[in-house]
Amino acid sequence: MNAELNALIIEDEKNDLFLLLNHLRQYWTTVNYEMVDTLEGVTSALNKKWDIIICDFYLPSFDGLTVLRIVNELGIKTPFILVSGQVPEDIAAAMMRLGAADYVMKDNLKRLAPAILREVPGTPGNTTATAAPATQTQKGRLAAPETESGESKELNKLMTLWYPRDPSSADIKILERHRAVINIMYVANLIKNYQHKILDQYNLTEQQLTILRFLKRLYPIASSMNLIKENSINKTSDTSRTVQRMAAEGLVIYHVSDDDKRVRDILISEKGLQAISEVDKVSDQMFLPENYLSEEDAKKINEGLAKTLRIMG
């Protein structure tokens, strides 16, 4: 058994903390730890010296990716291990690329101590100095990106299905542009699915959220149906029917137009304002994927998409 471990544990559930400590104490005689669940607590605790940082992903007002970014920005070299419930594979893989040493699921804690033993310098079983980047052949570790651009097997499947010719015989410039379009389609779908899962918790759709945000900007002024349609992201959707459902759910109310008494304008209700307020509390999670991009990456993507919009828009 090893003598002592100093662990920073970023976790908000005391039951999960108990299980973590129970596991670690099977390998270390003494486990010195600090449990924090706020960004202020994280920042303060990172000023201290730790052997390991153990971090949950889903936390009350932030997430594990935010913590990892702070660790990187501060230049802290302490091994960072994500210990969480089910995390989307693309997010876990991205965290590995950003420097996380490993990802251990909470229902498989038997992997945690071996992961720490491998990472902490001077600990029996440590191989950090000579370990190769994570691959699927290293048991229990997440696979590193399969290509330099981080494309997954699913993306490569799409390339095969969507590309009209044999990629091996295609002009490399054409192939790269085609790959870019497939990337946009694939990532956009991932982001949309990710955001849908969050909105489902509030019984809202993407279109309803867009309408509520627009009406909140106008509040307490009501909007015409045509104005709502003009400001919708999805121009092909049935906006009128969506607004009717929102009115039935109490998210909006109809307001008789001052210009034409036969026309009913739409006003966001108190319930709708409350719904927006609740979603805003998790806005960082809604736009979590943007944390994967540097400012330079984002600028290049925006410039490329702007060219496309000027032609197609």
C-alpha atoms as a PDB file:
ATOM      1  CA  MET A   1       0.000   0.000   0.000  1.00  0.00           C
ATOM      2  CA  ASN A   2       1.237   3.497  -0.838  1.00  0.00           C
ATOM      3  CA  ALA A   3       1.826   5.994   1.939  1.00  0.00           C
ATOM      4  CA  GLU A   4       0.063   9.262   1.100  1.00  0.00           C
ATOM      5  CA  LEU A   5      -1.999  10.913  -1.625  1.00  0.00           C
ATOM      6  CA  ASN A   6      -2.933  14.592  -1.814  1.00  0.00           C
ATOM      7  CA  ALA A   7      -6.020  14.959  -3.968  1.00  0.00           C
ATOM      8  CA  LEU A   8      -8.084  17.931  -5.086  1.00  0.00           C
ATOM      9  CA  ILE A   9     -11.595  16.568  -5.638  1.00  0.00           C
ATOM     10  CA  ILE A  10     -13.981  18.754  -7.618  1.00  0.00           C
ATOM     11  CA  GLU A  11     -17.348  17.204  -6.870  1.00  0.00           C
ATOM     12  CA  ASP A  12     -20.739  18.352  -5.575  1.00  0.00           C
ATOM     13  CA  GLU A  13     -22.200  15.031  -4.387  1.00  0.00           C
ATOM     14  CA  LYS A  14     -21.094  13.876  -0.927  1.00  0.00           C
ATOM     15  CA  ASN A  15     -22.189  10.310  -1.631  1.00  0.00           C
ATOM     16  CA  ASP A  16     -19.903  10.215  -4.660  1.00  0.00           C
ATOM     17  CA  LEU A  17     -17.098  11.708  -2.566  1.00  0.00           C
ATOM     18  CA  PHE A  18     -17.549   8.907  -0.020  1.00  0.00           C
ATOM     19  CA  LEU A  19     -17.261   6.271  -2.753  1.00  0.00           C
ATOM     20  CA  LEU A  20     -14.145   7.954  -4.175  1.00  0.00           C
ATOM     21  CA  LEU A  21     -12.414   8.080  -0.818  1.00  0.00           C
ATOM     22  CA  ASN A  22     -13.409   4.518   0.020  1.00  0.00           C
ATOM     23  CA  HIS A  23     -11.754   3.380  -3.199  1.00  0.00           C
ATOM     24  CA  LEU A  24      -8.599   5.472  -2.786  1.00  0.00           C
ATOM     25  CA  ARG A  25      -8.046   4.336   0.812  1.00  0.00           C
ATOM     26  CA  GLN A  26      -7.669   0.785  -0.451  1.00  0.00           C
ATOM     27  CA  TYR A  27      -4.444   1.933  -2.152  1.00  0.00           C
ATOM     28  CA  TRP A  28      -3.148   4.767   0.063  1.00  0.00           C
ATOM     29  CA  THR A  29      -2.734   4.715   3.835  1.00  0.00           C
ATOM     30  CA  THR A  30      -3.528   8.447   4.023  1.00  0.00           C
ATOM     31  CA  VAL A  31      -5.660  10.427   1.593  1.00  0.00           C
ATOM     32  CA  ASN A  32      -5.452  14.163   2.153  1.00  0.00           C
ATOM     33  CA  TYR A  33      -8.147  15.875   0.122  1.00  0.00           C
ATOM     34  CA  GLU A  34     -10.155  19.029  -0.407  1.00  0.00           C
ATOM     35  CA  MET A  35     -13.644  18.906  -1.943  1.00  0.00           C
ATOM     36  CA  VAL A  36     -14.778  21.990  -3.868  1.00  0.00           C
ATOM     37  CA  ASP A  37     -17.869  22.607  -6.002  1.00  0.00           C
ATOM     38  CA  THR A  38     -17.596  26.291  -6.994  1.00  0.00           C
ATOM     39  CA  LEU A  39     -15.275  28.090  -9.411  1.00  0.00           C
ATOM     40  CA  GLU A  40     -14.091  30.308  -6.562  1.00  0.00           C
ATOM     41  CA  GLY A  41     -13.224  27.197  -4.558  1.00  0.00           C
ATOM     42  CA  VAL A  42     -11.451  25.667  -7.555  1.00  0.00           C
ATOM     43  CA  THR A  43      -9.342  28.781  -8.158  1.00  0.00           C
ATOM     44  CA  SER A  44      -8.383  28.989  -4.496  1.00  0.00           C
ATOM     45  CA  ALA A  45      -7.577  25.273  -4.198  1.00  0.00           C
ATOM     46  CA  LEU A  46      -5.368  25.343  -7.307  1.00  0.00           C
ATOM     47  CA  ASN A  47      -2.958  27.594  -5.423  1.00  0.00           C
ATOM     48  CA  LYS A  48      -2.057  24.570  -3.297  1.00  0.00           C
ATOM     49  CA  LYS A  49       0.143  21.620  -4.255  1.00  0.00           C
ATOM     50  CA  TRP A  50      -1.689  18.424  -5.186  1.00  0.00           C
ATOM     51  CA  ASP A  51      -0.643  15.006  -6.447  1.00  0.00           C
ATOM     52  CA  ILE A  52      -3.799  14.591  -8.510  1.00  0.00           C
ATOM     53  CA  ILE A  53      -6.883  16.558  -9.592  1.00  0.00           C
ATOM     54  CA  ILE A  54     -10.068  14.481  -9.725  1.00  0.00           C
ATOM     55  CA  CYS A  55     -12.966  16.287 -11.378  1.00  0.00           C
ATOM     56  CA  ASP A  56     -16.608  15.503 -12.074  1.00  0.00           C
ATOM     57  CA  PHE A  57     -17.940  16.800 -15.391  1.00  0.00           C
ATOM     58  CA  TYR A  58     -21.459  17.920 -14.471  1.00  0.00           C
ATOM     59  CA  LEU A  59     -21.330  20.517 -11.692  1.00  0.00           C
ATOM     60  CA  PRO A  60     -23.968  23.029 -10.498  1.00  0.00           C
ATOM     61  CA  SER A  61     -22.768  26.175 -12.305  1.00  0.00           C
ATOM     62  CA  PHE A  62     -19.870  24.995 -14.477  1.00  0.00           C
ATOM     63  CA  ASP A  63     -18.365  21.813 -15.912  1.00  0.00           C
ATOM     64  CA  GLY A  64     -15.181  19.770 -16.002  1.00  0.00           C
ATOM     65  CA  LEU A  65     -14.063  21.332 -19.274  1.00  0.00           C
ATOM     66  CA  THR A  66     -14.093  24.777 -17.661  1.00  0.00           C
ATOM     67  CA  VAL A  67     -11.891  23.472 -14.836  1.00  0.00           C
ATOM     68  CA  LEU A  68      -9.455  21.874 -17.286  1.00  0.00           C
ATOM     69  CA  ARG A  69      -9.163  25.149 -19.182  1.00  0.00           C
ATOM     70  CA  ILE A  70      -8.363  26.984 -15.932  1.00  0.00           C
ATOM     71  CA  VAL A  71      -5.738  24.361 -15.061  1.00  0.00           C
ATOM     72  CA  ASN A  72      -4.144  24.798 -18.498  1.00  0.00           C
ATOM     73  CA  GLU A  73      -4.254  28.600 -18.369  1.00  0.00           C
ATOM     74  CA  LEU A  74      -2.509  28.569 -14.987  1.00  0.00           C
ATOM     75  CA  GLY A  75       0.171  26.254 -16.361  1.00  0.00           C
ATOM     76  CA  ILE A  76      -0.503  23.647 -13.683  1.00  0.00           C
ATOM     77  CA  LYS A  77       1.094  20.278 -14.501  1.00  0.00           C
ATOM     78  CA  THR A  78      -0.768  18.218 -11.894  1.00  0.00           C
ATOM     79  CA  PRO A  79      -2.428  15.205 -13.597  1.00  0.00           C
ATOM     80  CA  PHE A  80      -6.134  15.812 -14.224  1.00  0.00           C
ATOM     81  CA  ILE A  81      -8.512  12.829 -14.219  1.00  0.00           C
ATOM     82  CA  LEU A  82     -12.147  13.167 -15.215  1.00  0.00           C
ATOM     83  CA  VAL A  83     -14.333  11.007 -12.957  1.00  0.00           C
ATOM     84  CA  SER A  84     -17.958  11.313 -13.959  1.00  0.00           C
ATOM     85  CA  GLY A  85     -21.120   9.578 -15.030  1.00  0.00           C
ATOM     86  CA  GLN A  86     -21.904   9.175 -18.691  1.00  0.00           C
ATOM     87  CA  VAL A  87     -20.154  11.907 -20.696  1.00  0.00           C
ATOM     88  CA  PRO A  88     -20.602  12.183 -24.484  1.00  0.00           C
ATOM     89  CA  GLU A  89     -17.675  10.427 -26.136  1.00  0.00           C
ATOM     90  CA  ASP A  90     -16.754  13.453 -28.243  1.00  0.00           C
ATOM     91  CA  ILE A  91     -16.537  15.665 -25.162  1.00  0.00           C
ATOM     92  CA  ALA A  92     -14.431  13.141 -23.217  1.00  0.00           C
ATOM     93  CA  ALA A  93     -12.109  12.713 -26.194  1.00  0.00           C
ATOM     94  CA  ALA A  94     -11.770  16.493 -26.548  1.00  0.00           C
ATOM     95  CA  MET A  95     -10.786  16.758 -22.891  1.00  0.00           C
ATOM     96  CA  MET A  96      -8.137  14.103 -23.430  1.00  0.00           C
ATOM     97  CA  ARG A  97      -6.761  16.168 -26.304  1.00  0.00           C
ATOM     98  CA  LEU A  98      -6.719  19.236 -24.041  1.00  0.00           C
ATOM     99  CA  GLY A  99      -4.570  17.433 -21.468  1.00  0.00           C
ATOM    100  CA  ALA A 100      -6.778  15.276 -19.237  1.00  0.00           C
ATOM    101  CA  ALA A 101      -4.803  12.191 -18.188  1.00  0.00           C
ATOM    102  CA  ASP A 102      -7.782   9.827 -18.174  1.00  0.00           C
ATOM    103  CA  TYR A 103     -11.556   9.472 -17.963  1.00  0.00           C
ATOM    104  CA  VAL A 104     -12.995   7.087 -15.371  1.00  0.00           C
ATOM    105  CA  MET A 105     -16.710   6.417 -15.096  1.00  0.00           C
ATOM    106  CA  LYS A 106     -18.216   6.554 -11.626  1.00  0.00           C
ATOM    107  CA  ASP A 107     -19.669   3.085 -11.983  1.00  0.00           C
ATOM    108  CA  ASN A 108     -16.191   1.699 -12.728  1.00  0.00           C
ATOM    109  CA  LEU A 109     -14.049   3.241  -9.986  1.00  0.00           C
ATOM    110  CA  LYS A 110     -11.722   0.231  -9.885  1.00  0.00           C
ATOM    111  CA  ARG A 111      -9.885   1.966 -12.758  1.00  0.00           C
ATOM    112  CA  LEU A 112      -9.213   5.154 -10.789  1.00  0.00           C
ATOM    113  CA  ALA A 113      -6.335   4.105  -8.527  1.00  0.00           C
ATOM    114  CA  PRO A 114      -4.411   2.388 -11.357  1.00  0.00           C
ATOM    115  CA  ALA A 115      -4.829   5.551 -13.427  1.00  0.00           C
ATOM    116  CA  ILE A 116      -3.426   7.664 -10.576  1.00  0.00           C
ATOM    117  CA  LEU A 117      -0.564   5.212  -9.995  1.00  0.00           C
ATOM    118  CA  ARG A 118       0.324   5.568 -13.647  1.00  0.00           C
ATOM    119  CA  GLU A 119       0.290   9.372 -13.614  1.00  0.00           C
ATOM    120  CA  VAL A 120       1.690  10.507 -10.265  1.00  0.00           C
ATOM    121  CA  PRO A 121       5.520  10.810 -10.375  1.00  0.00           C
ATOM    122  CA  GLY A 122       7.394   8.558  -7.995  1.00  0.00           C
ATOM    123  CA  THR A 123       4.412   6.310  -7.411  1.00  0.00           C
ATOM    124  CA  PRO A 124       4.855   2.570  -7.973  1.00  0.00           C
ATOM    125  CA  GLY A 125       3.398   1.685 -11.348  1.00  0.00           C
ATOM    126  CA  ASN A 126       3.942   5.155 -12.801  1.00  0.00           C
ATOM    127  CA  THR A 127       4.879   5.160 -16.494  1.00  0.00           C
ATOM    128  CA  THR A 128       4.155   8.770 -17.330  1.00  0.00           C
ATOM    129  CA  ALA A 129       7.694   9.594 -18.397  1.00  0.00           C
ATOM    130  CA  THR A 130       7.731   7.009 -21.151  1.00  0.00           C
ATOM    131  CA  ALA A 131       4.055   6.417 -21.872  1.00  0.00           C
ATOM    132  CA  ALA A 132       2.901   6.825 -25.456  1.00  0.00           C
ATOM    133  CA  PRO A 133      -0.195   8.860 -26.319  1.00  0.00           C
ATOM    134  CA  ALA A 134      -3.432   7.100 -25.465  1.00  0.00           C
ATOM    135  CA  THR A 135      -4.608   4.522 -27.984  1.00  0.00           C
ATOM    136  CA  GLN A 136      -7.235   1.847 -28.045  1.00  0.00           C
ATOM    137  CA  THR A 137      -4.568  -0.780 -27.281  1.00  0.00           C
ATOM    138  CA  GLN A 138      -3.891   0.667 -23.837  1.00  0.00           C
ATOM    139  CA  LYS A 139      -6.526  -0.964 -21.684  1.00  0.00           C
ATOM    140  CA  GLY A 140      -9.090   1.364 -20.172  1.00  0.00           C
ATOM    141  CA  ARG A 141      -7.764   4.546 -21.727  1.00  0.00           C
ATOM    142  CA  LEU A 142      -9.644   6.707 -24.176  1.00  0.00           C
ATOM    143  CA  ALA A 143      -8.465   6.598 -27.735  1.00  0.00           C
ATOM    144  CA  ALA A 144      -6.607   9.606 -29.084  1.00  0.00           C
ATOM    145  CA  PRO A 145      -7.879  11.154 -32.318  1.00  0.00           C
ATOM    146  CA  GLU A 146      -7.542   8.751 -35.203  1.00  0.00           C
ATOM    147  CA  THR A 147      -6.270  11.481 -37.528  1.00  0.00           C
ATOM    148  CA  GLU A 148      -4.633  14.854 -37.021  1.00  0.00           C
ATOM    149  CA  SER A 149      -7.911  16.661 -37.662  1.00  0.00           C
ATOM    150  CA  GLY A 150      -9.681  14.614 -34.974  1.00  0.00           C
ATOM    151  CA  GLU A 151     -12.133  12.883 -37.278  1.00  0.00           C
ATOM    152  CA  SER A 152     -14.011   9.928 -35.837  1.00  0.00           C
ATOM    153  CA  LYS A 153     -14.928   6.662 -37.529  1.00  0.00           C
ATOM    154  CA  GLU A 154     -18.434   8.013 -38.054  1.00  0.00           C
ATOM    155  CA  LEU A 155     -17.087  11.013 -39.939  1.00  0.00           C
ATOM    156  CA  ASN A 156     -14.953   8.791 -42.134  1.00  0.00           C
ATOM    157  CA  LYS A 157     -18.047   6.696 -42.881  1.00  0.00           C
ATOM    158  CA  LEU A 158     -19.853   9.838 -44.013  1.00  0.00           C
ATOM    159  CA  MET A 159     -16.968  10.741 -46.293  1.00  0.00           C
ATOM    160  CA  THR A 160     -17.262   7.349 -47.942  1.00  0.00           C
ATOM    161  CA  LEU A 161     -21.042   7.563 -48.307  1.00  0.00           C
ATOM    162  CA  TRP A 162     -21.268  11.156 -49.499  1.00  0.00           C
ATOM    163  CA  TYR A 163     -18.239  11.428 -51.739  1.00  0.00           C
ATOM    164  CA  PRO A 164     -19.310  10.669 -55.344  1.00  0.00           C
ATOM    165  CA  ARG A 165     -15.982   9.194 -56.446  1.00  0.00           C
ATOM    166  CA  ASP A 166     -13.230   7.039 -55.020  1.00  0.00           C
ATOM    167  CA  PRO A 167     -11.478   9.394 -52.528  1.00  0.00           C
ATOM    168  CA  SER A 168      -8.111   7.837 -53.345  1.00  0.00           C
ATOM    169  CA  SER A 169      -8.389   9.062 -56.941  1.00  0.00           C
ATOM    170  CA  ALA A 170      -9.781  12.531 -56.174  1.00  0.00           C
ATOM    171  CA  ASP A 171      -7.938  15.798 -56.463  1.00  0.00           C
ATOM    172  CA  ILE A 172      -6.619  16.570 -52.968  1.00  0.00           C
ATOM    173  CA  LYS A 173      -7.961  20.157 -53.013  1.00  0.00           C
ATOM    174  CA  ILE A 174     -11.459  19.005 -53.975  1.00  0.00           C
ATOM    175  CA  LEU A 175     -11.317  16.245 -51.379  1.00  0.00           C
ATOM    176  CA  GLU A 176     -10.300  18.685 -48.631  1.00  0.00           C
ATOM    177  CA  ARG A 177     -13.178  21.043 -49.473  1.00  0.00           C
ATOM    178  CA  HIS A 178     -15.597  18.136 -49.495  1.00  0.00           C
ATOM    179  CA  ARG A 179     -14.251  16.983 -46.149  1.00  0.00           C
ATOM    180  CA  ALA A 180     -14.819  20.484 -44.750  1.00  0.00           C
ATOM    181  CA  VAL A 181     -18.488  20.439 -45.783  1.00  0.00           C
ATOM    182  CA  ILE A 182     -18.981  16.967 -44.268  1.00  0.00           C
ATOM    183  CA  ASN A 183     -17.282  18.196 -41.091  1.00  0.00           C
ATOM    184  CA  ILE A 184     -19.689  21.138 -40.851  1.00  0.00           C
ATOM    185  CA  MET A 185     -22.709  18.865 -41.367  1.00  0.00           C
ATOM    186  CA  TYR A 186     -21.481  16.325 -38.851  1.00  0.00           C
ATOM    187  CA  VAL A 187     -20.446  18.765 -36.117  1.00  0.00           C
ATOM    188  CA  ALA A 188     -23.599  20.865 -36.563  1.00  0.00           C
ATOM    189  CA  ASN A 189     -25.664  17.734 -35.986  1.00  0.00           C
ATOM    190  CA  LEU A 190     -23.633  16.839 -32.883  1.00  0.00           C
ATOM    191  CA  ILE A 191     -24.099  20.318 -31.433  1.00  0.00           C
ATOM    192  CA  LYS A 192     -27.817  20.332 -32.224  1.00  0.00           C
ATOM    193  CA  ASN A 193     -28.332  16.940 -30.563  1.00  0.00           C
ATOM    194  CA  TYR A 194     -26.319  18.080 -27.546  1.00  0.00           C
ATOM    195  CA  GLN A 195     -28.414  21.245 -27.166  1.00  0.00           C
ATOM    196  CA  HIS A 196     -31.660  19.331 -27.692  1.00  0.00           C
ATOM    197  CA  LYS A 197     -30.811  17.120 -24.703  1.00  0.00           C
ATOM    198  CA  ILE A 198     -30.420  20.218 -22.534  1.00  0.00           C
ATOM    199  CA  LEU A 199     -33.599  21.888 -23.826  1.00  0.00           C
ATOM    200  CA  ASP A 200     -35.590  18.672 -23.269  1.00  0.00           C
ATOM    201  CA  GLN A 201     -35.033  19.197 -19.539  1.00  0.00           C
ATOM    202  CA  TYR A 202     -37.026  22.443 -19.828  1.00  0.00           C
ATOM    203  CA  ASN A 203     -39.656  21.076 -22.255  1.00  0.00           C
ATOM    204  CA  LEU A 204     -38.520  23.490 -24.951  1.00  0.00           C
ATOM    205  CA  THR A 205     -37.580  23.059 -28.588  1.00  0.00           C
ATOM    206  CA  GLU A 206     -34.859  24.992 -30.391  1.00  0.00           C
ATOM    207  CA  GLN A 207     -37.465  26.973 -32.334  1.00  0.00           C
ATOM    208  CA  GLN A 208     -39.427  27.817 -29.171  1.00  0.00           C
ATOM    209  CA  LEU A 209     -36.240  29.051 -27.496  1.00  0.00           C
ATOM    210  CA  THR A 210     -35.425  31.248 -30.506  1.00  0.00           C
ATOM    211  CA  ILE A 211     -38.921  32.755 -30.460  1.00  0.00           C
ATOM    212  CA  LEU A 212     -38.802  33.358 -26.707  1.00  0.00           C
ATOM    213  CA  ARG A 213     -35.406  35.078 -26.959  1.00  0.00           C
ATOM    214  CA  PHE A 214     -36.687  37.349 -29.721  1.00  0.00           C
ATOM    215  CA  LEU A 215     -39.856  38.229 -27.788  1.00  0.00           C
ATOM    216  CA  LYS A 216     -37.827  38.902 -24.645  1.00  0.00           C
ATOM    217  CA  ARG A 217     -35.756  41.456 -26.563  1.00  0.00           C
ATOM    218  CA  LEU A 218     -38.967  43.288 -27.525  1.00  0.00           C
ATOM    219  CA  TYR A 219     -40.698  42.948 -24.124  1.00  0.00           C
ATOM    220  CA  PRO A 220     -42.974  44.638 -23.063  1.00  0.00           C
ATOM    221  CA  ILE A 221     -43.749  45.399 -26.725  1.00  0.00           C
ATOM    222  CA  ALA A 222     -45.662  42.711 -28.618  1.00  0.00           C
ATOM    223  CA  SER A 223     -44.515  41.345 -31.979  1.00  0.00           C
ATOM    224  CA  SER A 224     -46.366  40.549 -35.163  1.00  0.00           C
ATOM    225  CA  MET A 225     -46.256  36.999 -36.505  1.00  0.00           C
ATOM    226  CA  ASN A 226     -44.415  38.174 -39.615  1.00  0.00           C
ATOM    227  CA  LEU A 227     -41.682  39.800 -37.534  1.00  0.00           C
ATOM    228  CA  ILE A 228     -41.212  36.553 -35.589  1.00  0.00           C
ATOM    229  CA  LYS A 229     -40.911  34.610 -38.853  1.00  0.00           C
ATOM    230  CA  GLU A 230     -38.319  37.059 -40.199  1.00  0.00           C
ATOM    231  CA  ASN A 231     -36.180  36.560 -37.087  1.00  0.00           C
ATOM    232  CA  SER A 232     -36.416  32.767 -36.959  1.00  0.00           C
ATOM    233  CA  ILE A 233     -33.325  30.691 -37.709  1.00  0.00           C
ATOM    234  CA  ASN A 234     -35.362  27.939 -39.328  1.00  0.00           C
ATOM    235  CA  LYS A 235     -37.191  29.658 -42.190  1.00  0.00           C
ATOM    236  CA  THR A 236     -38.891  26.432 -43.305  1.00  0.00           C
ATOM    237  CA  SER A 237     -40.641  25.635 -40.037  1.00  0.00           C
ATOM    238  CA  ASP A 238     -44.295  26.328 -39.342  1.00  0.00           C
ATOM    239  CA  THR A 239     -43.864  29.336 -37.054  1.00  0.00           C
ATOM    240  CA  SER A 240     -47.585  30.022 -36.693  1.00  0.00           C
ATOM    241  CA  ARG A 241     -48.284  26.516 -35.420  1.00  0.00           C
ATOM    242  CA  THR A 242     -45.320  26.686 -33.023  1.00  0.00           C
ATOM    243  CA  VAL A 243     -46.603  29.963 -31.577  1.00  0.00           C
ATOM    244  CA  GLN A 244     -50.067  28.430 -31.137  1.00  0.00           C
ATOM    245  CA  ARG A 245     -48.547  25.559 -29.139  1.00  0.00           C
ATOM    246  CA  MET A 246     -46.531  28.026 -27.069  1.00  0.00           C
ATOM    247  CA  ALA A 247     -49.696  29.994 -26.314  1.00  0.00           C
ATOM    248  CA  ALA A 248     -51.448  26.785 -25.251  1.00  0.00           C
ATOM    249  CA  GLU A 249     -48.513  26.072 -22.899  1.00  0.00           C
ATOM    250  CA  GLY A 250     -48.656  29.607 -21.474  1.00  0.00           C
ATOM    251  CA  LEU A 251     -45.229  30.660 -22.784  1.00  0.00           C
ATOM    252  CA  VAL A 252     -46.703  33.500 -24.856  1.00  0.00           C
ATOM    253  CA  ILE A 253     -49.977  35.393 -24.869  1.00  0.00           C
ATOM    254  CA  TYR A 254     -51.913  36.944 -27.715  1.00  0.00           C
ATOM    255  CA  HIS A 255     -52.233  40.719 -27.698  1.00  0.00           C
ATOM    256  CA  VAL A 256     -54.716  42.700 -29.812  1.00  0.00           C
ATOM    257  CA  SER A 257     -52.734  44.874 -32.256  1.00  0.00           C
ATOM    258  CA  ASP A 258     -52.929  48.626 -31.718  1.00  0.00           C
ATOM    259  CA  ASP A 259     -52.819  49.148 -35.478  1.00  0.00           C
ATOM    260  CA  ASP A 260     -55.441  46.612 -36.502  1.00  0.00           C
ATOM    261  CA  LYS A 261     -57.928  45.234 -33.964  1.00  0.00           C
ATOM    262  CA  ARG A 262     -58.425  42.172 -36.153  1.00  0.00           C
ATOM    263  CA  VAL A 263     -54.759  41.207 -35.750  1.00  0.00           C
ATOM    264  CA  ARG A 264     -53.400  39.496 -32.652  1.00  0.00           C
ATOM    265  CA  ASP A 265     -49.754  40.226 -31.884  1.00  0.00           C
ATOM    266  CA  ILE A 266     -47.679  37.989 -29.618  1.00  0.00           C
ATOM    267  CA  LEU A 267     -46.210  38.903 -26.240  1.00  0.00           C
ATOM    268  CA  ILE A 268     -43.936  36.786 -24.054  1.00  0.00           C
ATOM    269  CA  SER A 269     -45.648  35.750 -20.804  1.00  0.00           C
ATOM    270  CA  GLU A 270     -44.249  35.608 -17.267  1.00  0.00           C
ATOM    271  CA  LYS A 271     -43.912  31.852 -17.705  1.00  0.00           C
ATOM    272  CA  GLY A 272     -41.946  32.430 -20.902  1.00  0.00           C
ATOM    273  CA  LEU A 273     -39.645  34.912 -19.162  1.00  0.00           C
ATOM    274  CA  GLN A 274     -39.087  32.393 -16.380  1.00  0.00           C
ATOM    275  CA  ALA A 275     -38.270  29.675 -18.918  1.00  0.00           C
ATOM    276  CA  ILE A 276     -35.627  31.902 -20.540  1.00  0.00           C
ATOM    277  CA  SER A 277     -34.188  32.683 -17.116  1.00  0.00           C
ATOM    278  CA  GLU A 278     -33.842  28.973 -16.297  1.00  0.00           C
ATOM    279  CA  VAL A 279     -32.158  28.171 -19.620  1.00  0.00           C
ATOM    280  CA  ASP A 280     -29.775  31.113 -19.203  1.00  0.00           C
ATOM    281  CA  LYS A 281     -28.466  29.480 -16.031  1.00  0.00           C
ATOM    282  CA  VAL A 282     -27.032  26.681 -18.175  1.00  0.00           C
ATOM    283  CA  SER A 283     -25.993  28.858 -21.118  1.00  0.00           C
ATOM    284  CA  ASP A 284     -22.367  27.759 -20.658  1.00  0.00           C
ATOM    285  CA  GLN A 285     -23.471  24.168 -21.239  1.00  0.00           C
ATOM    286  CA  MET A 286     -25.581  25.166 -24.255  1.00  0.00           C
ATOM    287  CA  PHE A 287     -22.497  26.539 -25.958  1.00  0.00           C
ATOM    288  CA  LEU A 288     -20.018  24.098 -24.477  1.00  0.00           C
ATOM    289  CA  PRO A 289     -18.624  23.054 -27.896  1.00  0.00           C
ATOM    290  CA  GLU A 290     -17.223  26.554 -28.452  1.00  0.00           C
ATOM    291  CA  ASN A 291     -14.710  25.850 -25.677  1.00  0.00           C
ATOM    292  CA  TYR A 292     -12.962  23.417 -28.000  1.00  0.00           C
ATOM    293  CA  LEU A 293     -11.933  26.236 -30.350  1.00  0.00           C
ATOM    294  CA  SER A 294      -9.139  28.740 -30.004  1.00  0.00           C
ATOM    295  CA  GLU A 295      -9.852  32.315 -31.073  1.00  0.00           C
ATOM    296  CA  GLU A 296      -7.736  31.743 -34.180  1.00  0.00           C
ATOM    297  CA  ASP A 297      -9.657  28.552 -35.077  1.00  0.00           C
ATOM    298  CA  ALA A 298     -12.990  30.337 -34.610  1.00  0.00           C
ATOM    299  CA  LYS A 299     -11.872  33.242 -36.809  1.00  0.00           C
ATOM    300  CA  LYS A 300     -10.857  30.913 -39.668  1.00  0.00           C
ATOM    301  CA  ILE A 301     -14.158  29.025 -39.456  1.00  0.00           C
ATOM    302  CA  ASN A 302     -16.167  32.254 -39.415  1.00  0.00           C
ATOM    303  CA  GLU A 303     -14.288  33.616 -42.423  1.00  0.00           C
ATOM    304  CA  GLY A 304     -14.872  30.416 -44.402  1.00  0.00           C
ATOM    305  CA  LEU A 305     -18.567  30.252 -43.525  1.00  0.00           C
ATOM    306  CA  ALA A 306     -19.015  33.949 -44.302  1.00  0.00           C
ATOM    307  CA  LYS A 307     -17.764  33.319 -47.849  1.00  0.00           C
ATOM    308  CA  THR A 308     -20.257  30.474 -48.218  1.00  0.00           C
ATOM    309  CA  LEU A 309     -23.126  32.599 -46.893  1.00  0.00           C
ATOM    310  CA  ARG A 310     -22.349  35.428 -49.302  1.00  0.00           C
ATOM    311  CA  ILE A 311     -22.666  33.002 -52.207  1.00  0.00           C
ATOM    312  CA  MET A 312     -25.554  30.872 -51.003  1.00  0.00           C
ATOM    313  CA  GLY A 313     -27.437  33.391 -48.892  1.00  0.00           C
END
